[in-house]
Amino acid sequence: MKKFLLNFISIISFSPFITQVTQEDVTYNMRKLKEYNWFNAYLQNEIYQHLITHNERVRNLIGGFNTRRFNHRPYQKKMDKKLNAVLLNEEIRTNVEQPPVK
């Protein structure tokens, strides 16, 4: 409710969204997500595990997930799809930024 009100105020004032994803949001959501097999499959992949633990964009996405809807199967599919897309994009982006090893 707090996030909704802050976003509503920011829309009225034509300013960017006020709400920020905090470290506590990310930590809480990560603990909840570890209960699901589809998320644990990402953690078993070494590259994705590194991105999940260190990449700011991936962590902001995880922190922004709605915790009250975690148990809803359609929402899990939506989270899986979003997380997969961001992980693939970040994997490509980080591979392009690193110079080739000789």
Protein backbone atom coordinates (compact mmCIF):
# COMPACT_ATOMS: atom_id res chain seq x y z
CA MET A 1 0.00 0.00 0.00
CA LYS A 2 2.88 2.33 0.82
CA LYS A 3 4.43 1.82 -2.63
CA PHE A 4 1.08 2.45 -4.30
CA LEU A 5 0.60 5.74 -2.48
CA LEU A 6 4.14 6.91 -3.25
CA ASN A 7 3.74 6.04 -6.92
CA PHE A 8 0.36 7.78 -7.02
CA ILE A 9 1.88 10.94 -5.55
CA SER A 10 4.73 10.82 -8.05
CA ILE A 11 2.28 10.45 -10.95
CA ILE A 12 0.29 13.43 -9.76
CA SER A 13 3.43 15.54 -9.41
CA PHE A 14 4.85 14.36 -12.78
CA SER A 15 8.03 13.14 -11.16
CA PRO A 16 9.69 9.72 -11.54
CA PHE A 17 8.52 6.88 -9.34
CA ILE A 18 9.57 7.34 -5.73
CA THR A 19 9.63 3.72 -4.68
CA GLN A 20 12.97 1.99 -4.69
CA VAL A 21 13.79 -1.69 -4.34
CA THR A 22 15.72 -2.15 -1.11
CA GLN A 23 18.22 -4.80 -0.13
CA GLU A 24 15.65 -6.14 2.34
CA ASP A 25 13.12 -6.60 -0.50
CA VAL A 26 15.67 -8.54 -2.55
CA THR A 27 16.75 -10.70 0.39
CA TYR A 28 13.19 -11.50 1.43
CA ASN A 29 12.12 -12.37 -2.12
CA MET A 30 15.23 -14.50 -2.68
CA ARG A 31 14.43 -16.55 0.42
CA LYS A 32 10.87 -17.07 -0.78
CA LEU A 33 11.93 -17.90 -4.34
CA LYS A 34 14.35 -20.59 -3.15
CA GLU A 35 11.27 -22.65 -2.23
CA TYR A 36 10.45 -23.12 -5.93
CA ASN A 37 12.13 -25.61 -8.27
CA TRP A 38 12.14 -23.28 -11.27
CA PHE A 39 14.20 -20.72 -9.32
CA ASN A 40 16.57 -23.35 -7.94
CA ALA A 41 17.26 -24.42 -11.53
CA TYR A 42 18.61 -20.91 -12.19
CA LEU A 43 20.77 -21.10 -9.08
CA GLN A 44 22.33 -24.37 -10.26
CA ASN A 45 23.62 -22.63 -13.39
CA GLU A 46 26.91 -20.97 -12.43
CA ILE A 47 26.48 -17.97 -14.74
CA TYR A 48 22.91 -17.28 -13.65
CA GLN A 49 23.81 -17.73 -9.99
CA HIS A 50 26.50 -15.08 -10.36
CA LEU A 51 24.07 -12.72 -12.09
CA ILE A 52 21.38 -13.31 -9.44
CA THR A 53 23.76 -12.56 -6.59
CA HIS A 54 25.72 -9.67 -8.12
CA ASN A 55 23.88 -8.02 -11.03
CA GLU A 56 21.92 -4.92 -10.04
CA ARG A 57 19.27 -5.22 -12.78
CA VAL A 58 18.50 -8.83 -11.91
CA ARG A 59 18.37 -8.07 -8.20
CA ASN A 60 16.05 -5.09 -8.76
CA LEU A 61 13.70 -7.32 -10.74
CA ILE A 62 13.69 -9.95 -7.99
CA GLY A 63 13.12 -7.31 -5.31
CA GLY A 64 10.18 -5.90 -7.25
CA PHE A 65 8.22 -9.15 -7.34
CA ASN A 66 4.91 -9.08 -5.46
CA THR A 67 5.40 -11.37 -2.46
CA ARG A 68 1.68 -11.76 -1.81
CA ARG A 69 1.23 -13.46 -5.18
CA PHE A 70 4.16 -15.89 -4.98
CA ASN A 71 1.89 -18.90 -4.37
CA HIS A 72 -0.24 -18.21 -7.45
CA ARG A 73 0.84 -20.50 -10.29
CA PRO A 74 0.22 -17.97 -13.11
CA TYR A 75 2.29 -15.37 -11.27
CA GLN A 76 5.13 -17.88 -10.88
CA LYS A 77 5.10 -18.41 -14.64
CA LYS A 78 5.18 -14.65 -15.14
CA MET A 79 8.12 -14.26 -12.72
CA ASP A 80 9.95 -17.13 -14.41
CA LYS A 81 9.47 -15.58 -17.84
CA LYS A 82 10.61 -12.11 -16.71
CA LEU A 83 13.60 -13.46 -14.81
CA ASN A 84 14.62 -15.65 -17.73
CA ALA A 85 14.49 -12.69 -20.13
CA VAL A 86 16.56 -10.45 -17.86
CA LEU A 87 19.10 -13.20 -17.16
CA LEU A 88 19.55 -13.87 -20.88
CA ASN A 89 19.92 -10.15 -21.65
CA GLU A 90 22.40 -9.59 -18.83
CA GLU A 91 24.38 -12.69 -19.80
CA ILE A 92 24.72 -11.38 -23.35
CA ARG A 93 25.49 -7.84 -22.17
CA THR A 94 28.18 -8.96 -19.72
CA ASN A 95 29.78 -11.29 -22.26
CA VAL A 96 29.98 -8.48 -24.81
CA GLU A 97 31.53 -6.06 -22.31
CA GLN A 98 34.33 -8.44 -21.31
CA PRO A 99 37.32 -8.50 -23.66
CA PRO A 100 38.21 -11.91 -25.08
CA VAL A 101 40.83 -13.83 -23.12
CA LYS A 102 44.00 -14.64 -25.10
